[in-house]
Amino acid sequence: MNFHHQNEMKNDPLKPAYVVGFKIFQNKFLKPILKLLFFILPLILVIEICIFASSPMVFDLAKNGLILMQISHTTFTIFVHLYRNDWIDETMGSFPRWDIDTAGAEIKKKIEKEAKLIKTYVIWNSSAGLLWGSVAVYSSFVIFPPRNFVLYASDYLFSIFKLTAHIAILAMMGHPFQILYITQQVKFQMYLFNKYIEEVCSVDEGEKKGKSLVDDEKYQEEIKLRLKLLVRRHCEFKRWRTHTLRIIYNFIVPFSVGSGVLLFMGIYFLLATEQAPTIIICCNGLFTMLVISAFISVIIGGETLQDESDSTFTTLMSIKWYNFNCENRKLFLLILCNSLKPINLNLSTEIAINYRLGVAICKVVYSVV
């Protein structure tokens, strides 16, 4: 393990998540379609709300309420893709990433194994989303039946929406993939970082038996160099967290609330539409499954990042710090104090993307349903 030089990442182990969640929406052919959807979807939403308000029927709302929520959430996600889709490159571009073989074959194998699972999930979820889009395209249902001749325009607008359903569902799933991508990328870097911490004291100790390492200048100089590397690296993690939260802070709450509402409405409308046409039940069921899987992936991504960050403190306490001289002990104490605060994506001092947030949202959904 080389403490003097670390190679930069050459091959991204999570490239499918990067492409499906981010890069695809920068395509010059896809952007005009997203702009068309961003114009059409609000029109559909306003027209359908007007139709429902003119003659409200509970059955219509129970049958199609989830579709209205899909349209609302999709409009917001498309807005973010169009006008703030560079945030992934902005956050990860300023964060130096080491190559996955930097800390040895064991860590490399561990990262490749987890990356393979994430790739499988991204491909499976994207395929399921495209299947939902196909069901929507070949279905013949509308939202609320027009009761005014002028409002028959909603039928044509909704037909356009169905024809672009594949892109709309990919846009909705893009943001969970983005959160999963950045959390797992940083978690993989923490695997490497914690391995470096474990090896910080491996400085030819076998040749120094019977000697006091505290008074060994050569040993202490090497330890000092290694500790400075660890301090700098941990500061890079903290800067990444601060920079990322500053960029996504205004989007976390809307996406969290929107996902929670979609999760609730998906489960509710599955239970409330037993007499609805089979096509609507299939669409609602498949969409609910996609929302649940995206919700779980984001929660697990945030939790695993926080867990690996918490393990940094435990790893630091296991090294032989008592062999350090006074100056090196100060460096060690510095990184030890810094590691007390975990690297996570938090909404506030009490709320972060982890299992606690997932359980809290599930309790709210369960109590309401």
Protein backbone atom coordinates (compact mmCIF):
# COMPACT_ATOMS: atom_id res chain seq x y z
CA MET A 1 0.00 0.00 0.00
CA ASN A 2 1.50 3.30 -1.14
CA PHE A 3 1.05 6.23 1.25
CA HIS A 4 3.08 8.54 -0.99
CA HIS A 5 0.96 8.31 -4.14
CA GLN A 6 -2.63 7.31 -4.93
CA ASN A 7 -3.86 6.72 -8.47
CA GLU A 8 -6.99 8.53 -9.60
CA MET A 9 -10.05 6.47 -10.52
CA LYS A 10 -9.89 5.33 -14.14
CA ASN A 11 -12.94 3.10 -14.55
CA ASP A 12 -16.15 4.10 -12.78
CA PRO A 13 -17.57 0.95 -11.06
CA LEU A 14 -21.06 2.53 -11.01
CA LYS A 15 -21.21 3.78 -14.58
CA PRO A 16 -24.73 2.39 -15.34
CA ALA A 17 -26.20 4.41 -12.44
CA TYR A 18 -24.33 7.49 -13.68
CA VAL A 19 -25.59 7.07 -17.25
CA VAL A 20 -29.24 6.25 -16.44
CA GLY A 21 -29.52 8.72 -13.58
CA PHE A 22 -27.64 11.64 -15.07
CA LYS A 23 -25.85 11.43 -18.40
CA ILE A 24 -28.83 10.33 -20.45
CA PHE A 25 -30.69 13.56 -19.66
CA GLN A 26 -27.93 15.66 -21.21
CA ASN A 27 -28.54 14.06 -24.60
CA LYS A 28 -29.32 16.69 -27.24
CA PHE A 29 -32.19 14.57 -28.63
CA LEU A 30 -33.78 13.91 -25.25
CA LYS A 31 -33.76 17.49 -23.97
CA PRO A 32 -36.41 18.77 -26.45
CA ILE A 33 -38.72 15.93 -25.37
CA LEU A 34 -38.19 16.84 -21.71
CA LYS A 35 -39.02 20.46 -22.50
CA LEU A 36 -42.18 19.35 -24.33
CA LEU A 37 -43.20 17.27 -21.32
CA PHE A 38 -42.47 20.15 -18.97
CA PHE A 39 -44.92 22.26 -21.00
CA ILE A 40 -47.62 19.59 -21.41
CA LEU A 41 -47.75 18.05 -17.94
CA PRO A 42 -48.80 21.22 -16.06
CA LEU A 43 -51.52 21.80 -18.67
CA ILE A 44 -52.84 18.27 -18.15
CA LEU A 45 -52.78 18.76 -14.39
CA VAL A 46 -54.65 22.08 -14.48
CA ILE A 47 -57.26 20.84 -16.96
CA GLU A 48 -57.93 17.63 -15.05
CA ILE A 49 -58.26 19.47 -11.74
CA CYS A 50 -60.77 21.82 -13.39
CA ILE A 51 -62.73 18.86 -14.77
CA PHE A 52 -62.82 17.16 -11.39
CA ALA A 53 -63.77 20.40 -9.59
CA SER A 54 -66.71 20.97 -11.97
CA SER A 55 -68.26 17.63 -11.01
CA PRO A 56 -66.31 15.87 -8.27
CA MET A 57 -66.76 12.11 -8.02
CA VAL A 58 -65.01 10.06 -5.36
CA PHE A 59 -64.64 7.08 -7.70
CA ASP A 60 -62.81 9.20 -10.27
CA LEU A 61 -60.40 10.45 -7.64
CA ALA A 62 -59.83 6.96 -6.20
CA LYS A 63 -59.28 5.55 -9.67
CA ASN A 64 -56.96 8.22 -11.02
CA GLY A 65 -55.54 10.14 -8.06
CA LEU A 66 -52.22 8.33 -8.29
CA ILE A 67 -51.85 9.37 -11.93
CA LEU A 68 -52.30 13.02 -10.94
CA MET A 69 -49.57 12.62 -8.31
CA GLN A 70 -47.34 10.96 -10.92
CA ILE A 71 -47.82 13.94 -13.21
CA SER A 72 -47.07 16.44 -10.42
CA HIS A 73 -43.94 14.61 -9.29
CA THR A 74 -42.76 14.05 -12.87
CA THR A 75 -43.11 17.77 -13.65
CA PHE A 76 -40.85 18.65 -10.73
CA THR A 77 -38.24 16.00 -11.60
CA ILE A 78 -38.13 17.14 -15.23
CA PHE A 79 -37.63 20.73 -14.06
CA VAL A 80 -34.60 19.65 -12.02
CA HIS A 81 -33.22 17.57 -14.91
CA LEU A 82 -33.52 20.52 -17.27
CA TYR A 83 -32.17 23.30 -15.10
CA ARG A 84 -29.98 21.65 -12.42
CA ASN A 85 -28.72 18.45 -14.00
CA ASP A 86 -25.05 19.34 -13.63
CA TRP A 87 -24.95 18.89 -9.86
CA ILE A 88 -23.49 15.36 -10.00
CA ASP A 89 -20.44 16.51 -11.95
CA GLU A 90 -20.20 19.57 -9.73
CA THR A 91 -20.11 17.58 -6.48
CA MET A 92 -18.11 14.55 -7.61
CA GLY A 93 -15.82 16.55 -9.87
CA SER A 94 -14.42 18.48 -6.91
CA PHE A 95 -13.92 15.29 -4.88
CA PRO A 96 -10.70 13.37 -5.68
CA ARG A 97 -11.51 9.68 -6.13
CA TRP A 98 -8.86 7.03 -5.67
CA ASP A 99 -8.73 3.99 -7.91
CA ILE A 100 -10.45 0.97 -6.35
CA ASP A 101 -7.22 -1.09 -6.33
CA THR A 102 -5.39 1.54 -4.24
CA ALA A 103 -5.94 -0.31 -0.94
CA GLY A 104 -5.24 -3.84 -2.18
CA ALA A 105 -7.02 -6.76 -3.82
CA GLU A 106 -9.35 -7.52 -0.91
CA ILE A 107 -10.98 -4.07 -0.88
CA LYS A 108 -11.08 -4.04 -4.68
CA LYS A 109 -12.97 -7.33 -4.71
CA LYS A 110 -15.41 -6.05 -2.09
CA ILE A 111 -16.12 -2.89 -4.10
CA GLU A 112 -16.58 -4.81 -7.36
CA LYS A 113 -19.03 -7.19 -5.68
CA GLU A 114 -21.18 -4.38 -4.30
CA ALA A 115 -20.95 -2.43 -7.55
CA LYS A 116 -22.25 -5.47 -9.44
CA LEU A 117 -25.31 -5.63 -7.17
CA ILE A 118 -25.99 -1.92 -7.73
CA LYS A 119 -25.64 -2.31 -11.51
CA THR A 120 -28.11 -5.21 -11.43
CA TYR A 121 -30.59 -3.13 -9.44
CA VAL A 122 -30.28 -0.14 -11.81
CA ILE A 123 -30.80 -2.31 -14.90
CA TRP A 124 -33.72 -4.19 -13.33
CA ASN A 125 -35.45 -1.03 -12.09
CA SER A 126 -34.96 0.76 -15.41
CA SER A 127 -36.42 -2.24 -17.26
CA ALA A 128 -39.42 -2.29 -14.93
CA GLY A 129 -39.89 1.44 -15.53
CA LEU A 130 -39.83 0.95 -19.29
CA LEU A 131 -42.38 -1.85 -18.85
CA TRP A 132 -44.63 0.58 -16.98
CA GLY A 133 -44.20 3.04 -19.84
CA SER A 134 -45.22 0.35 -22.34
CA VAL A 135 -48.33 -0.48 -20.32
CA ALA A 136 -49.23 3.23 -20.26
CA VAL A 137 -48.65 3.61 -24.01
CA TYR A 138 -50.86 0.66 -24.99
CA SER A 139 -53.61 1.45 -22.48
CA SER A 140 -56.75 3.29 -23.54
CA PHE A 141 -57.80 4.93 -20.26
CA VAL A 142 -57.93 8.69 -19.64
CA ILE A 143 -57.84 10.43 -16.30
CA PHE A 144 -61.15 12.16 -15.61
CA PRO A 145 -63.82 11.79 -18.35
CA PRO A 146 -64.33 15.25 -19.93
CA ARG A 147 -67.76 16.72 -19.19
CA ASN A 148 -67.24 19.81 -21.30
CA PHE A 149 -66.60 19.90 -25.05
CA VAL A 150 -63.84 22.49 -24.69
CA LEU A 151 -61.95 20.27 -22.26
CA TYR A 152 -61.64 17.40 -24.74
CA ALA A 153 -58.18 18.86 -25.36
CA SER A 154 -57.09 17.04 -22.21
CA ASP A 155 -57.53 13.73 -24.07
CA TYR A 156 -55.01 14.77 -26.71
CA LEU A 157 -52.55 16.14 -24.16
CA PHE A 158 -52.76 12.97 -22.13
CA SER A 159 -52.20 10.91 -25.28
CA ILE A 160 -48.94 12.80 -25.82
CA PHE A 161 -48.01 12.12 -22.20
CA LYS A 162 -48.61 8.39 -22.69
CA LEU A 163 -46.44 8.37 -25.81
CA THR A 164 -43.59 9.87 -23.79
CA ALA A 165 -44.24 7.75 -20.67
CA HIS A 166 -40.93 5.89 -21.09
CA ILE A 167 -38.96 9.11 -20.78
CA ALA A 168 -41.18 10.41 -17.96
CA ILE A 169 -40.63 7.33 -15.78
CA LEU A 170 -36.87 7.39 -16.42
CA ALA A 171 -36.86 11.05 -15.35
CA MET A 172 -38.65 10.13 -12.12
CA MET A 173 -36.22 7.32 -11.35
CA GLY A 174 -33.20 9.43 -12.27
CA HIS A 175 -32.97 11.24 -8.94
CA PRO A 176 -32.98 8.10 -6.74
CA PHE A 177 -30.24 6.74 -8.99
CA GLN A 178 -28.28 9.98 -8.52
CA ILE A 179 -28.49 9.80 -4.72
CA LEU A 180 -27.55 6.11 -4.83
CA TYR A 181 -24.62 6.91 -7.12
CA ILE A 182 -23.04 9.64 -4.98
CA THR A 183 -23.56 7.85 -1.65
CA GLN A 184 -22.06 4.59 -2.90
CA GLN A 185 -19.17 6.30 -4.66
CA VAL A 186 -18.19 8.03 -1.41
CA LYS A 187 -18.76 4.83 0.56
CA PHE A 188 -16.34 2.98 -1.73
CA GLN A 189 -13.79 5.74 -1.13
CA MET A 190 -14.30 5.28 2.60
CA TYR A 191 -13.53 1.57 2.23
CA LEU A 192 -10.15 2.61 0.84
CA PHE A 193 -9.69 5.30 3.48
CA ASN A 194 -10.41 2.96 6.41
CA LYS A 195 -8.00 0.40 4.99
CA TYR A 196 -5.31 3.08 4.91
CA ILE A 197 -6.06 3.82 8.57
CA GLU A 198 -5.59 0.15 9.45
CA GLU A 199 -2.17 0.15 7.77
CA VAL A 200 -0.95 3.48 9.09
CA CYS A 201 1.38 1.85 11.65
CA SER A 202 2.85 -0.80 9.35
CA VAL A 203 6.27 0.80 9.11
CA ASP A 204 8.77 -2.08 9.30
CA GLU A 205 7.97 -2.69 12.94
CA GLY A 206 9.62 -6.09 12.69
CA GLU A 207 13.04 -4.44 12.42
CA LYS A 208 12.47 -2.33 15.53
CA LYS A 209 11.98 -4.99 18.18
CA GLY A 210 13.50 -3.98 21.48
CA LYS A 211 13.65 -0.30 20.41
CA SER A 212 11.44 2.55 21.55
CA LEU A 213 9.34 3.64 18.57
CA VAL A 214 8.48 6.92 20.29
CA ASP A 215 12.12 8.00 20.04
CA ASP A 216 12.68 6.66 16.53
CA GLU A 217 12.82 9.76 14.31
CA LYS A 218 12.60 7.87 11.03
CA TYR A 219 9.52 5.99 12.21
CA GLN A 220 7.86 9.16 13.51
CA GLU A 221 8.52 11.04 10.27
CA GLU A 222 6.84 8.29 8.27
CA ILE A 223 3.90 8.22 10.69
CA LYS A 224 3.62 12.01 10.41
CA LEU A 225 3.44 11.80 6.61
CA ARG A 226 0.76 9.13 6.79
CA LEU A 227 -1.33 10.95 9.39
CA LYS A 228 -1.21 14.14 7.33
CA LEU A 229 -2.50 12.15 4.34
CA LEU A 230 -5.39 10.83 6.47
CA VAL A 231 -6.21 14.32 7.81
CA ARG A 232 -6.29 15.76 4.28
CA ARG A 233 -8.40 12.89 3.00
CA HIS A 234 -10.93 13.19 5.79
CA CYS A 235 -11.18 16.93 5.14
CA GLU A 236 -11.97 16.11 1.51
CA PHE A 237 -14.85 13.93 2.69
CA LYS A 238 -16.16 16.76 4.87
CA ARG A 239 -15.88 19.29 2.04
CA TRP A 240 -17.74 16.92 -0.27
CA ARG A 241 -20.55 16.60 2.27
CA THR A 242 -20.82 20.38 2.81
CA HIS A 243 -20.72 21.12 -0.92
CA THR A 244 -23.28 18.42 -1.77
CA LEU A 245 -25.72 19.50 0.93
CA ARG A 246 -25.47 23.11 -0.20
CA ILE A 247 -26.44 22.09 -3.73
CA ILE A 248 -29.23 19.59 -3.01
CA TYR A 249 -30.63 21.08 0.20
CA ASN A 250 -33.52 22.83 -1.59
CA PHE A 251 -34.44 19.61 -3.41
CA ILE A 252 -34.24 17.07 -0.57
CA VAL A 253 -37.45 18.13 1.18
CA PRO A 254 -39.66 18.28 -1.99
CA PHE A 255 -38.38 14.92 -3.19
CA SER A 256 -38.75 13.33 0.27
CA VAL A 257 -42.30 14.62 0.72
CA GLY A 258 -43.24 13.77 -2.87
CA SER A 259 -41.86 10.24 -2.58
CA GLY A 260 -43.66 9.72 0.73
CA VAL A 261 -46.96 10.91 -0.75
CA LEU A 262 -46.47 8.72 -3.84
CA LEU A 263 -45.71 5.75 -1.61
CA PHE A 264 -48.85 6.35 0.44
CA MET A 265 -51.10 6.98 -2.55
CA GLY A 266 -49.72 3.99 -4.43
CA ILE A 267 -50.57 1.60 -1.57
CA TYR A 268 -53.90 3.31 -0.89
CA PHE A 269 -55.08 3.28 -4.50
CA LEU A 270 -54.06 -0.36 -4.90
CA LEU A 271 -56.42 -1.18 -2.05
CA ALA A 272 -59.13 1.23 -3.23
CA THR A 273 -59.32 0.28 -6.91
CA GLU A 274 -60.38 -3.36 -6.75
CA GLN A 275 -63.26 -2.64 -9.15
CA ALA A 276 -61.16 -0.52 -11.50
CA PRO A 277 -60.12 -1.77 -14.95
CA THR A 278 -57.27 -4.27 -14.95
CA ILE A 279 -55.00 -1.91 -16.87
CA ILE A 280 -55.27 0.72 -14.11
CA ILE A 281 -54.56 -1.86 -11.42
CA CYS A 282 -51.49 -3.05 -13.35
CA CYS A 283 -50.22 0.50 -13.85
CA ASN A 284 -50.77 1.42 -10.18
CA GLY A 285 -49.20 -1.81 -8.94
CA LEU A 286 -46.11 -1.55 -11.14
CA PHE A 287 -45.65 2.12 -10.36
CA THR A 288 -46.00 1.48 -6.61
CA MET A 289 -43.36 -1.24 -6.85
CA LEU A 290 -41.00 1.19 -8.58
CA VAL A 291 -41.58 3.86 -5.92
CA ILE A 292 -40.96 1.37 -3.10
CA SER A 293 -37.75 0.04 -4.68
CA ALA A 294 -36.45 3.59 -5.29
CA PHE A 295 -37.32 4.57 -1.72
CA ILE A 296 -35.50 1.53 -0.32
CA SER A 297 -32.42 2.15 -2.49
CA VAL A 298 -32.08 5.75 -1.32
CA ILE A 299 -32.50 4.80 2.36
CA ILE A 300 -30.01 1.92 2.12
CA GLY A 301 -27.55 4.12 0.22
CA GLY A 302 -27.65 6.82 2.89
CA GLU A 303 -27.46 4.30 5.76
CA THR A 304 -24.48 2.37 4.37
CA LEU A 305 -22.60 5.62 3.79
CA GLN A 306 -23.23 6.68 7.39
CA ASP A 307 -22.30 3.23 8.75
CA GLU A 308 -18.97 3.21 6.94
CA SER A 309 -18.31 6.74 8.16
CA ASP A 310 -19.05 5.65 11.75
CA SER A 311 -16.60 2.78 11.41
CA THR A 312 -13.79 5.30 10.80
CA PHE A 313 -13.74 6.19 14.49
CA THR A 314 -13.62 2.52 15.51
CA THR A 315 -10.79 1.85 13.08
CA LEU A 316 -8.82 4.83 14.39
CA MET A 317 -9.11 3.58 17.96
CA SER A 318 -7.65 0.22 16.96
CA ILE A 319 -4.29 1.56 15.75
CA LYS A 320 -1.20 1.74 18.00
CA TRP A 321 -1.37 5.46 18.70
CA TYR A 322 0.64 5.02 21.92
CA ASN A 323 3.77 4.59 19.78
CA PHE A 324 3.37 8.13 18.39
CA ASN A 325 5.35 11.08 19.63
CA CYS A 326 3.69 14.26 20.90
CA GLU A 327 3.35 15.91 17.48
CA ASN A 328 1.87 12.84 15.85
CA ARG A 329 -0.52 12.32 18.73
CA LYS A 330 -1.89 15.82 18.08
CA LEU A 331 -2.49 14.90 14.43
CA PHE A 332 -4.10 11.67 15.51
CA LEU A 333 -6.34 13.55 17.97
CA LEU A 334 -7.33 15.96 15.21
CA ILE A 335 -8.58 13.27 12.86
CA LEU A 336 -10.17 11.42 15.78
CA CYS A 337 -12.22 14.49 16.72
CA ASN A 338 -13.19 15.09 13.09
CA SER A 339 -14.41 11.51 12.72
CA LEU A 340 -16.90 11.92 15.59
CA LYS A 341 -19.28 13.64 13.16
CA PRO A 342 -20.40 11.15 10.50
CA ILE A 343 -20.31 11.85 6.77
CA ASN A 344 -23.97 11.66 5.75
CA LEU A 345 -26.69 13.51 3.86
CA ASN A 346 -28.87 15.14 6.48
CA LEU A 347 -31.92 17.36 6.21
CA SER A 348 -31.26 18.85 9.67
CA THR A 349 -29.36 18.01 12.85
CA GLU A 350 -31.96 15.33 13.64
CA ILE A 351 -32.98 14.02 10.22
CA ALA A 352 -30.62 12.26 7.80
CA ILE A 353 -31.04 9.78 4.94
CA ASN A 354 -30.78 6.54 6.92
CA TYR A 355 -32.86 3.73 8.39
CA ARG A 356 -34.39 6.01 11.03
CA LEU A 357 -35.84 8.26 8.34
CA GLY A 358 -37.09 5.24 6.38
CA VAL A 359 -38.81 3.74 9.43
CA ALA A 360 -40.37 7.12 10.31
CA ILE A 361 -41.81 7.52 6.80
CA CYS A 362 -43.11 3.95 6.80
CA LYS A 363 -44.82 4.53 10.17
CA VAL A 364 -46.54 7.66 8.83
CA VAL A 365 -47.69 5.85 5.66
CA TYR A 366 -48.91 2.84 7.67
CA SER A 367 -50.82 4.98 10.19
CA VAL A 368 -52.55 6.96 7.43
CA VAL A 369 -53.40 3.91 5.31
